[in-house]
Protein backbone atom coordinates (compact mmCIF):
# COMPACT_ATOMS: atom_id res chain seq x y z
CA UNK A 1 -12.43 10.88 -24.59
CA UNK A 2 -9.04 9.62 -23.40
CA UNK A 3 -9.35 7.52 -20.27
CA UNK A 4 -6.88 5.61 -18.12
CA UNK A 5 -7.92 2.10 -17.11
CA UNK A 6 -6.39 -0.78 -15.18
CA UNK A 7 -6.02 -3.57 -17.74
CA UNK A 8 -4.06 -6.10 -15.69
CA UNK A 9 -3.12 -6.91 -12.10
CA UNK A 10 -0.59 -9.12 -10.35
CA UNK A 11 0.81 -9.81 -6.91
CA UNK A 12 3.45 -11.66 -4.97
CA UNK A 13 2.64 -12.78 -1.43
CA UNK A 14 5.55 -14.47 0.35
CA UNK A 15 4.99 -18.04 1.52
CA UNK A 16 6.48 -17.63 5.01
CA UNK A 17 3.66 -17.19 7.54
CA UNK A 18 4.48 -15.52 10.85
CA UNK A 19 1.69 -15.89 13.41
CA UNK A 20 1.07 -13.74 16.47
CA UNK A 21 2.17 -16.54 18.78
CA UNK A 22 5.58 -16.49 17.11
CA UNK A 23 6.27 -13.29 19.10
CA UNK A 24 5.58 -14.84 22.51
CA UNK A 25 9.29 -15.19 23.29
CA UNK A 26 10.19 -11.61 22.29
CA UNK A 27 11.26 -8.99 24.80
CA UNK A 28 9.34 -5.74 24.30
CA UNK A 29 10.55 -2.32 25.42
CA UNK A 30 8.87 1.09 25.36
CA UNK A 31 10.19 4.28 23.81
CA UNK A 32 11.65 5.14 27.22
CA UNK A 33 13.94 2.12 27.00
CA UNK A 34 12.21 0.29 29.84
CA UNK A 35 10.98 -3.27 29.47
CA UNK A 36 7.18 -3.49 29.24
CA UNK A 37 5.62 -4.90 32.40
CA UNK A 38 2.69 -6.61 30.67
CA UNK A 39 3.20 -10.20 29.62
CA UNK A 40 3.51 -10.98 25.92
CA UNK A 41 0.17 -12.73 25.64
CA UNK A 42 -1.58 -9.56 26.77
CA UNK A 43 0.55 -7.34 24.50
CA UNK A 44 -0.12 -9.54 21.47
CA UNK A 45 -3.85 -9.86 22.17
CA UNK A 46 -4.16 -6.08 22.51
CA UNK A 47 -2.40 -5.60 19.17
CA UNK A 48 -4.82 -8.03 17.51
CA UNK A 49 -7.85 -6.25 19.00
CA UNK A 50 -6.70 -2.89 17.65
CA UNK A 51 -5.15 -3.80 14.31
CA UNK A 52 -7.01 -7.01 13.42
CA UNK A 53 -3.73 -8.75 12.60
CA UNK A 54 -3.42 -12.47 13.36
CA UNK A 55 -0.55 -13.28 11.02
CA UNK A 56 1.65 -11.72 8.40
CA UNK A 57 4.01 -12.75 5.58
CA UNK A 58 7.79 -12.38 5.49
CA UNK A 59 9.93 -12.67 2.35
CA UNK A 60 12.18 -15.70 1.88
CA UNK A 61 15.84 -15.21 2.81
CA UNK A 62 16.97 -15.26 -0.82
CA UNK A 63 14.51 -12.55 -1.93
CA UNK A 64 14.83 -8.77 -1.84
CA UNK A 65 12.17 -6.21 -2.71
CA UNK A 66 13.06 -6.01 -6.42
CA UNK A 67 12.50 -9.78 -6.71
CA UNK A 68 8.99 -9.54 -5.27
CA UNK A 69 8.21 -6.50 -7.42
CA UNK A 70 9.44 -8.15 -10.62
CA UNK A 71 7.30 -11.24 -10.00
CA UNK A 72 4.20 -9.09 -9.39
CA UNK A 73 5.02 -7.00 -12.47
CA UNK A 74 5.38 -10.04 -14.71
CA UNK A 75 2.00 -11.34 -13.53
CA UNK A 76 0.34 -7.99 -14.26
CA UNK A 77 1.85 -7.89 -17.76
CA UNK A 78 0.57 -11.40 -18.46
CA UNK A 79 -2.86 -10.59 -17.05
CA UNK A 80 -3.13 -7.54 -19.32
CA UNK A 81 -2.07 -9.58 -22.35
CA UNK A 82 0.54 -7.06 -23.45
CA UNK A 83 4.18 -7.18 -24.44
CA UNK A 84 6.35 -5.75 -21.66
CA UNK A 85 8.54 -4.13 -24.33
CA UNK A 86 5.60 -1.83 -25.13
CA UNK A 87 5.60 -0.25 -21.68
CA UNK A 88 6.32 3.46 -21.57
CA UNK A 89 6.81 3.70 -17.80
CA UNK A 90 7.79 1.35 -14.98
CA UNK A 91 7.08 3.02 -11.65
CA UNK A 92 7.96 1.27 -8.41
CA UNK A 93 6.75 2.60 -5.07
CA UNK A 94 8.62 1.50 -1.94
CA UNK A 95 10.16 2.92 1.22
CA UNK A 96 13.29 0.96 2.02
CA UNK A 97 14.69 -0.49 -1.20
CA UNK A 98 16.43 -3.85 -1.42
CA UNK A 99 17.49 -5.07 2.02
CA UNK A 100 19.45 -8.35 1.99
CA UNK A 101 18.47 -10.80 4.73
CA UNK A 102 22.03 -11.12 6.01
CA UNK A 103 22.85 -7.39 5.80
CA UNK A 104 20.04 -5.14 6.95
CA UNK A 105 21.34 -2.08 5.11
CA UNK A 106 18.95 -0.28 2.77
CA UNK A 107 20.06 -0.31 -0.86
CA UNK A 108 18.47 1.98 -3.45
CA UNK A 109 21.33 2.42 -5.94
CA UNK A 110 20.66 1.63 -8.73
CA UNK A 111 16.98 2.55 -8.35
CA UNK A 112 14.64 -0.34 -7.58
CA UNK A 113 12.62 0.32 -10.75
CA UNK A 114 15.76 -0.15 -12.85
CA UNK A 115 16.46 -3.43 -11.08
CA UNK A 116 12.88 -4.55 -11.70
CA UNK A 117 13.18 -3.65 -15.36
CA UNK A 118 16.39 -5.67 -15.60
CA UNK A 119 14.87 -8.67 -13.81
CA UNK A 120 11.86 -8.54 -16.14
CA UNK A 121 14.36 -8.45 -19.07
CA UNK A 122 12.73 -5.37 -20.64
CA UNK A 123 15.22 -4.00 -23.15
CA UNK A 124 13.24 -1.07 -24.58
CA UNK A 125 15.33 1.99 -23.55
CA UNK A 126 12.27 4.21 -23.69
CA UNK A 127 10.46 2.23 -21.01
CA UNK A 128 11.36 4.80 -18.37
CA UNK A 129 11.89 3.29 -14.91
CA UNK A 130 11.87 5.30 -11.68
CA UNK A 131 11.05 5.00 -7.98
CA UNK A 132 8.39 6.70 -5.86
CA UNK A 133 9.37 6.83 -2.15
CA UNK A 134 6.23 8.43 -0.73
CA UNK A 135 5.39 6.45 2.39
CA UNK A 136 2.47 4.01 2.33
CA UNK A 137 0.60 6.18 -0.24
CA UNK A 138 3.42 5.60 -2.77
CA UNK A 139 1.56 3.16 -5.01
CA UNK A 140 -1.45 5.47 -5.34
CA UNK A 141 0.87 8.38 -6.10
CA UNK A 142 2.57 6.26 -8.77
CA UNK A 143 -0.83 5.58 -10.35
CA UNK A 144 -1.66 9.30 -10.27
CA UNK A 145 1.64 10.21 -11.91
CA UNK A 146 1.23 7.55 -14.59
CA UNK A 147 -2.28 8.79 -15.34
CA UNK A 148 -0.87 12.22 -16.23
CA UNK A 149 1.50 10.68 -18.78
CA UNK A 150 -1.24 8.54 -20.27
CA UNK A 151 -3.92 11.21 -20.43
CA UNK A 152 -1.52 13.69 -22.01
CA UNK A 153 -0.86 11.39 -24.94
CA UNK A 154 2.82 11.10 -24.00
CA UNK A 155 2.39 7.40 -23.21
CA UNK A 156 -0.02 4.52 -23.73
CA UNK A 157 1.00 1.88 -21.17
CA UNK A 158 2.52 1.96 -17.68
CA UNK A 159 3.37 -0.59 -15.03
CA UNK A 160 2.94 0.63 -11.44
CA UNK A 161 4.19 -1.59 -8.63
CA UNK A 162 4.05 -1.22 -4.87
CA UNK A 163 6.32 -3.45 -2.83
CA UNK A 164 8.10 -3.73 0.49
CA UNK A 165 10.14 -5.97 2.76
CA UNK A 166 9.47 -4.16 6.01
CA UNK A 167 10.21 -7.28 8.06
CA UNK A 168 13.88 -6.42 7.61
CA UNK A 169 13.69 -3.01 9.25
CA UNK A 170 11.50 -3.80 12.25
CA UNK A 171 12.82 -3.52 15.79
CA UNK A 172 12.37 -6.94 17.50
CA UNK A 173 12.07 -5.08 20.82
CA UNK A 174 9.24 -2.81 19.64
CA UNK A 175 5.69 -4.20 19.78
CA UNK A 176 4.76 -2.04 16.78
CA UNK A 177 7.10 -4.21 14.72
CA UNK A 178 4.47 -6.96 14.74
CA UNK A 179 2.31 -4.85 12.44
CA UNK A 180 4.58 -4.81 9.40
CA UNK A 181 5.01 -7.38 6.64
CA UNK A 182 6.23 -8.02 3.09
CA UNK A 183 4.71 -8.33 -0.39
CA UNK A 184 4.23 -6.70 -3.78
CA UNK A 185 1.28 -5.75 -5.98
CA UNK A 186 1.19 -4.39 -9.53
CA UNK A 187 -1.15 -2.99 -12.14
CA UNK A 188 -0.95 -2.20 -15.84
CA UNK A 189 -2.48 1.15 -16.75
CA UNK A 190 -3.51 1.79 -20.34
CA UNK A 191 -4.85 4.82 -22.19
CA UNK A 192 -8.05 4.08 -24.10
CA UNK A 193 -10.50 6.10 -26.12
CA UNK A 194 -14.11 5.93 -25.00
CA UNK A 195 -17.36 7.84 -25.40
CA UNK A 196 -17.98 7.74 -21.63
CA UNK A 197 -15.86 8.65 -18.65
CA UNK A 198 -14.38 5.56 -17.05
CA UNK A 199 -11.22 4.38 -15.36
CA UNK A 200 -9.41 6.91 -13.16
CA UNK A 201 -11.64 9.94 -12.81
CA UNK A 202 -10.45 12.25 -10.01
CA UNK A 203 -7.65 12.33 -7.48
CA UNK A 204 -6.17 14.41 -4.68
CA UNK A 205 -2.96 14.40 -2.62
CA UNK A 206 -1.77 16.35 0.41
CA UNK A 207 1.43 16.48 2.48
CA UNK A 208 1.45 17.75 6.08
CA UNK A 209 5.14 17.91 6.94
CA UNK A 210 5.65 20.79 9.38
CA UNK A 211 3.66 19.34 12.28
CA UNK A 212 3.58 15.66 11.40
CA UNK A 213 6.79 14.70 9.60
CA UNK A 214 8.03 12.44 12.43
CA UNK A 215 4.90 10.37 13.04
CA UNK A 216 6.50 7.61 10.95
CA UNK A 217 10.27 7.57 10.71
CA UNK A 218 13.45 5.57 11.15
CA UNK A 219 15.08 5.45 14.58
CA UNK A 220 17.15 3.43 17.05
CA UNK A 221 15.97 0.27 18.80
CA UNK A 222 13.84 0.59 21.93
CA UNK A 223 16.40 -1.58 23.69
CA UNK A 224 19.54 0.31 24.56
CA UNK A 225 22.67 -1.30 23.18
CA UNK A 226 20.90 -3.31 20.48
CA UNK A 227 22.35 -2.60 17.02
CA UNK A 228 22.96 1.04 17.89
CA UNK A 229 24.24 1.82 14.40
CA UNK A 230 21.10 0.48 12.77
CA UNK A 231 17.77 2.22 12.35
CA UNK A 232 14.32 0.68 12.47
CA UNK A 233 10.84 1.73 11.44
CA UNK A 234 9.15 3.72 14.21
CA UNK A 235 5.73 5.30 14.56
CA UNK A 236 3.75 7.43 16.97
CA UNK A 237 0.61 5.32 16.82
CA UNK A 238 -1.70 7.53 18.87
CA UNK A 239 -0.94 10.76 17.02
CA UNK A 240 -0.96 8.99 13.67
CA UNK A 241 -4.43 7.64 14.45
CA UNK A 242 -5.69 11.13 15.30
CA UNK A 243 -4.10 12.65 12.20
CA UNK A 244 -5.64 10.04 9.90
CA UNK A 245 -9.14 10.36 11.38
CA UNK A 246 -9.10 14.14 11.09
CA UNK A 247 -7.60 14.45 7.60
CA UNK A 248 -8.34 11.39 5.47
CA UNK A 249 -12.17 11.61 5.37
CA UNK A 250 -12.32 15.24 4.06
CA UNK A 251 -9.86 14.38 1.28
CA UNK A 252 -11.93 11.34 0.28
CA UNK A 253 -15.04 13.51 0.26
CA UNK A 254 -13.33 15.97 -2.07
CA UNK A 255 -12.40 13.17 -4.48
CA UNK A 256 -15.97 11.84 -4.50
CA UNK A 257 -17.37 15.33 -5.08
CA UNK A 258 -14.82 16.12 -7.80
CA UNK A 259 -15.84 12.91 -9.54
CA UNK A 260 -19.43 14.07 -9.80
CA UNK A 261 -20.50 11.18 -7.59
CA UNK A 262 -22.45 10.73 -4.38
CA UNK A 263 -21.35 8.63 -1.43
CA UNK A 264 -24.13 6.18 -2.26
CA UNK A 265 -22.52 5.56 -5.68
CA UNK A 266 -19.38 4.04 -4.14
CA UNK A 267 -19.32 0.25 -4.20
CA UNK A 268 -15.93 -0.34 -2.58
CA UNK A 269 -13.40 1.71 -0.66
CA UNK A 270 -9.98 0.10 -1.04
CA UNK A 271 -8.12 1.63 1.87
CA UNK A 272 -4.51 1.11 2.93
CA UNK A 273 -4.38 -1.82 5.35
CA UNK A 274 -2.78 -0.17 8.36
CA UNK A 275 -5.06 -0.73 11.32
CA UNK A 276 -8.54 -2.26 11.25
CA UNK A 277 -10.10 0.03 13.85
CA UNK A 278 -8.55 3.10 12.21
CA UNK A 279 -9.70 2.07 8.74
CA UNK A 280 -13.23 1.43 9.97
CA UNK A 281 -13.31 4.78 11.77
CA UNK A 282 -12.07 6.67 8.69
CA UNK A 283 -14.67 5.10 6.40
CA UNK A 284 -17.40 5.77 8.96
CA UNK A 285 -16.39 9.44 9.05
CA UNK A 286 -16.48 9.66 5.24
CA UNK A 287 -20.15 8.68 5.24
CA UNK A 288 -20.87 10.88 8.25
CA UNK A 289 -19.69 13.86 6.18
CA UNK A 290 -22.58 13.05 3.82
CA UNK A 291 -25.07 12.77 6.68
CA UNK A 292 -25.08 8.98 6.54
CA UNK A 293 -25.14 7.26 9.92
CA UNK A 294 -24.52 3.77 8.63
CA UNK A 295 -21.67 2.55 6.46
CA UNK A 296 -22.89 0.37 3.57
CA UNK A 297 -22.35 -3.29 4.32
CA UNK A 298 -19.25 -4.95 2.87
CA UNK A 299 -17.86 -1.73 1.38
CA UNK A 300 -14.38 -2.01 2.92
CA UNK A 301 -12.37 -5.17 2.11
CA UNK A 302 -9.71 -6.19 4.64
CA UNK A 303 -6.58 -8.31 4.29
CA UNK A 304 -4.98 -7.25 7.58
CA UNK A 305 -5.90 -10.44 9.41
CA UNK A 306 -3.58 -12.65 7.35
CA UNK A 307 -1.27 -10.24 5.51
CA UNK A 308 -0.55 -7.50 8.03
CA UNK A 309 0.62 -4.09 6.84
CA UNK A 310 2.91 -4.40 3.83
CA UNK A 311 2.81 -0.66 3.17
CA UNK A 312 2.58 0.35 -0.50
CA UNK A 313 1.68 -3.21 -1.47
CA UNK A 314 -1.54 -3.48 0.53
CA UNK A 315 -3.97 -1.92 -1.95
CA UNK A 316 -2.72 -3.44 -5.25
CA UNK A 317 -2.50 -6.89 -3.59
CA UNK A 318 -6.05 -6.57 -2.27
CA UNK A 319 -7.37 -5.36 -5.64
CA UNK A 320 -5.78 -8.33 -7.40
CA UNK A 321 -7.17 -10.77 -4.82
CA UNK A 322 -10.71 -9.45 -5.35
CA UNK A 323 -10.50 -9.47 -9.15
CA UNK A 324 -9.12 -13.02 -9.12
CA UNK A 325 -12.00 -14.24 -6.96
CA UNK A 326 -9.83 -14.96 -3.92
CA UNK A 327 -11.87 -12.78 -1.58
CA UNK A 328 -15.26 -14.32 -2.39
CA UNK A 329 -17.13 -12.08 0.04
CA UNK A 330 -16.22 -9.13 -2.23
CA UNK A 331 -16.91 -8.58 -5.92
CA UNK A 332 -15.99 -5.78 -8.29
CA UNK A 333 -18.19 -5.51 -11.35
CA UNK A 334 -18.20 -3.46 -14.56
CA UNK A 335 -19.31 0.16 -14.01
CA UNK A 336 -18.72 -0.03 -10.24
CA UNK A 337 -17.41 3.16 -8.64
CA UNK A 338 -14.40 2.61 -6.39
CA UNK A 339 -12.26 4.76 -4.11
CA UNK A 340 -8.57 3.96 -3.55
CA UNK A 341 -7.11 5.79 -0.51
CA UNK A 342 -3.97 5.72 1.60
CA UNK A 343 -2.23 7.57 4.43
CA UNK A 344 1.35 7.26 5.63
CA UNK A 345 4.78 8.68 6.30
CA UNK A 346 5.34 12.28 5.31
CA UNK A 347 2.60 12.66 6.45
CA UNK A 348 1.00 12.00 3.09
CA UNK A 349 -2.58 11.28 2.11
CA UNK A 350 -3.92 10.54 -1.35
CA UNK A 351 -6.92 9.02 -3.08
CA UNK A 352 -8.40 8.48 -6.51
CA UNK A 353 -11.81 7.50 -7.80
CA UNK A 354 -12.16 4.77 -10.38
CA UNK A 355 -15.05 3.68 -12.56
CA UNK A 356 -14.63 0.06 -13.66
CA UNK A 357 -14.87 -0.05 -17.48
CA UNK A 358 -17.61 -1.93 -19.25
CA UNK A 359 -16.51 -5.27 -20.62
């Protein structure tokens, strides 16, 4: 049986820490262009209560996304113990490309994956490099795509990276800008022969564009006259919350069922780190669909408190942290059943089930 397993992981978390109190001097405006009447302490405390975010990481001035992604990729290659020249695919998920600190213009030509390949000094011309711009679910979609190549026999090794420098496209006058952050996470996927089913087992993706395409988008600053030619990341938080709660749990249920598993088999749900209350509510609804009133203790790891929402990087960073023993309250052991799930711009939702291989 040909299976696809994760054989190595890596990450890059920027060193610059930005705490909630660093936003106390900001001026915040609403979508109507009017300055918010609440004082900043109240605005920031409310954000922490809802999202769970106390601090986040921003990339150094000299770094762009492809730098962060290349560092994470190199660490994953080393962790897997492979030669990078043997890679068949290099897939990089992101949303905004390389954005220089002193020129906030998005740059995606040449593709970020090609830049990463160059920075990793991979010369093999048949290590195909391409980007996946798919909102926050981009890294999971990259893993799903790579699994098709590997299971078909067309390839044996793939590097899938999720990275972002969202701090460079946030509106300083929009309170939602405090949510976003920077970072990169990477995995090596390998095709292996086994007598049992392990690794990536089942997956599912959906796109709801007609009614929900604008819930996350790029738009002008909330403050009239500020950088009118520029665009910043914008979201309709309330409707996004409702969309996620209604649509993510059924998709996760389908993935569990298609894997031949029960909800009680799942040891960890690695969910995109977007909003703590939303993530908790989605996981609770997953188990409710199985008639379970209580969510198993410690099933949902969180990095939001200190890393914020770094989009496509949240899940691979978190997975690497757990495997490397840097989230000691969480362990992932051989034969554990895991669910990886994300929701984001598009609107897109995806998930895959994963059985950790025996050692």
